[in-house]
Amino acid sequence: MPNLHIITGSNGAGKSSVGPSYLPETIQTNCTVFDGDKLFMEKKNALWAAGSRAIKENKKIANKEVTDEFDRLVSNALKEGIDFAYEGHFTNDATWDVPKRFKEQGFLDSHDIFRITRYRPIRIKGCEPS
């Protein structure tokens, strides 16, 4: 049975630096944790390096590319029935849509959500929005 793993926390809490080390070893070995913040910066910087100096437009384009890539990876994991891991922010009800999609396909029978707070992980199992 494939699993979904989510690392969540505020900016600067350590999601990227320490979060992945708390995932199961098989996930660390076989998955790349999707880091939308990192990809956004890479896309935005690539646009700047290519000569685009429209800062707002670069952010808009980079955000769309990140969203499209995340959606593609989510769809692929669901279609192929493979483990998936990502960093996320649960700031509103809509952010629960992705975990719900995985749950509908049985991924969340054995899942982990790690809330990172100042480099201290807290494992939340069976977490649902209230």
Protein backbone atom coordinates (compact mmCIF):
# COMPACT_ATOMS: atom_id res chain seq x y z
CA MET A 1 0.00 0.00 0.00
CA PRO A 2 1.50 3.37 -1.00
CA ASN A 3 1.86 6.12 1.57
CA LEU A 4 1.56 9.88 1.62
CA HIS A 5 3.97 11.83 3.82
CA ILE A 6 3.56 15.55 4.49
CA ILE A 7 6.02 17.86 6.19
CA THR A 8 4.39 21.07 7.36
CA GLY A 9 5.43 24.06 9.41
CA SER A 10 5.96 27.77 9.27
CA ASN A 11 8.64 29.38 7.11
CA GLY A 12 12.06 28.87 8.65
CA ALA A 13 10.95 26.04 10.94
CA GLY A 14 13.22 23.48 9.27
CA LYS A 15 10.92 21.67 6.84
CA SER A 16 13.56 21.45 4.14
CA SER A 17 16.64 21.08 6.30
CA VAL A 18 15.54 18.55 8.91
CA GLY A 19 12.07 17.43 7.86
CA PRO A 20 13.04 14.72 5.36
CA SER A 21 15.29 13.01 7.91
CA TYR A 22 12.18 12.11 9.94
CA LEU A 23 10.56 10.26 7.06
CA PRO A 24 10.84 6.46 6.84
CA GLU A 25 14.11 5.31 5.29
CA THR A 26 12.35 3.84 2.24
CA ILE A 27 10.80 7.23 1.51
CA GLN A 28 14.15 8.99 2.00
CA THR A 29 15.76 6.54 -0.43
CA ASN A 30 13.05 6.22 -3.08
CA CYS A 31 11.26 9.58 -3.08
CA THR A 32 12.13 13.19 -3.60
CA VAL A 33 10.20 15.39 -1.19
CA PHE A 34 8.43 18.04 -3.25
CA ASP A 35 9.57 21.43 -1.97
CA GLY A 36 7.41 24.08 -3.64
CA ASP A 37 9.23 26.98 -1.97
CA LYS A 38 12.59 25.83 -3.32
CA LEU A 39 11.19 25.19 -6.80
CA PHE A 40 9.52 28.62 -6.80
CA MET A 41 12.85 30.32 -6.08
CA GLU A 42 14.59 28.28 -8.77
CA LYS A 43 11.94 29.18 -11.37
CA LYS A 44 11.91 32.85 -10.39
CA ASN A 45 15.71 33.06 -10.49
CA ALA A 46 15.80 31.31 -13.88
CA LEU A 47 13.40 33.88 -15.31
CA TRP A 48 15.57 36.70 -13.95
CA ALA A 49 18.73 35.07 -15.35
CA ALA A 50 17.01 34.78 -18.73
CA GLY A 51 16.59 38.55 -18.75
CA SER A 52 13.03 39.01 -17.48
CA ARG A 53 13.01 41.98 -15.11
CA ALA A 54 9.24 42.09 -14.45
CA ILE A 55 9.30 40.98 -10.81
CA LYS A 56 5.53 40.56 -10.36
CA GLU A 57 5.19 38.71 -13.66
CA ASN A 58 8.15 36.46 -12.79
CA LYS A 59 6.48 35.56 -9.49
CA LYS A 60 3.21 34.85 -11.28
CA ILE A 61 4.88 32.63 -13.89
CA ALA A 62 7.01 30.83 -11.29
CA ASN A 63 3.97 30.20 -9.10
CA LYS A 64 2.02 28.74 -12.01
CA GLU A 65 4.94 26.47 -12.96
CA VAL A 66 5.24 25.23 -9.36
CA THR A 67 1.50 24.60 -9.13
CA ASP A 68 1.49 22.77 -12.47
CA GLU A 69 4.45 20.61 -11.43
CA PHE A 70 2.91 19.77 -8.07
CA ASP A 71 -0.40 18.87 -9.71
CA ARG A 72 1.43 16.69 -12.23
CA LEU A 73 3.35 14.85 -9.50
CA VAL A 74 0.22 14.36 -7.37
CA SER A 75 -1.71 13.00 -10.35
CA ASN A 76 1.16 10.69 -11.25
CA ALA A 77 1.47 9.32 -7.69
CA LEU A 78 -2.28 8.67 -7.57
CA LYS A 79 -2.34 7.09 -11.04
CA GLU A 80 0.73 4.92 -10.48
CA GLY A 81 -0.06 4.12 -6.83
CA ILE A 82 3.37 5.21 -5.62
CA ASP A 83 4.56 6.83 -2.38
CA PHE A 84 4.52 10.61 -2.35
CA ALA A 85 6.04 13.17 0.01
CA TYR A 86 5.74 16.93 0.04
CA GLU A 87 6.19 20.03 2.13
CA GLY A 88 2.97 21.90 2.65
CA HIS A 89 1.31 24.74 4.48
CA PHE A 90 -2.15 24.10 5.91
CA THR A 91 -3.36 27.67 5.97
CA ASN A 92 -6.98 27.12 4.89
CA ASP A 93 -9.52 24.39 4.19
CA ALA A 94 -8.51 24.10 0.51
CA THR A 95 -5.03 22.91 1.50
CA TRP A 96 -6.65 19.68 2.72
CA ASP A 97 -7.83 18.84 -0.81
CA VAL A 98 -4.62 17.01 -1.75
CA PRO A 99 -4.52 14.78 1.36
CA LYS A 100 -8.22 14.04 0.84
CA ARG A 101 -7.53 12.89 -2.74
CA PHE A 102 -4.86 10.52 -1.46
CA LYS A 103 -7.12 9.28 1.32
CA GLU A 104 -9.87 8.50 -1.20
CA GLN A 105 -7.43 6.15 -2.94
CA GLY A 106 -6.28 4.45 0.25
CA PHE A 107 -2.93 6.19 0.69
CA LEU A 108 -3.73 7.52 4.14
CA ASP A 109 -4.25 4.17 5.83
CA SER A 110 -0.64 4.53 6.95
CA HIS A 111 0.40 8.14 6.69
CA ASP A 112 2.52 10.64 8.49
CA ILE A 113 2.16 14.35 8.78
CA PHE A 114 5.14 16.00 10.42
CA ARG A 115 4.65 19.46 11.89
CA ILE A 116 8.05 21.08 12.22
CA THR A 117 8.36 23.71 14.93
CA ARG A 118 11.80 25.23 15.40
CA TYR A 119 13.56 22.08 14.24
CA ARG A 120 11.46 19.88 16.51
CA PRO A 121 9.19 17.49 14.67
CA ILE A 122 5.80 16.50 15.97
CA ARG A 123 4.22 13.45 14.30
CA ILE A 124 0.50 13.81 13.69
CA LYS A 125 -1.29 10.59 12.70
CA GLY A 126 -4.87 10.40 11.48
CA CYS A 127 -4.98 14.16 11.24
CA GLU A 128 -8.12 15.65 9.74
CA PRO A 129 -9.24 19.25 9.40
CA SER A 130 -11.80 20.29 11.98
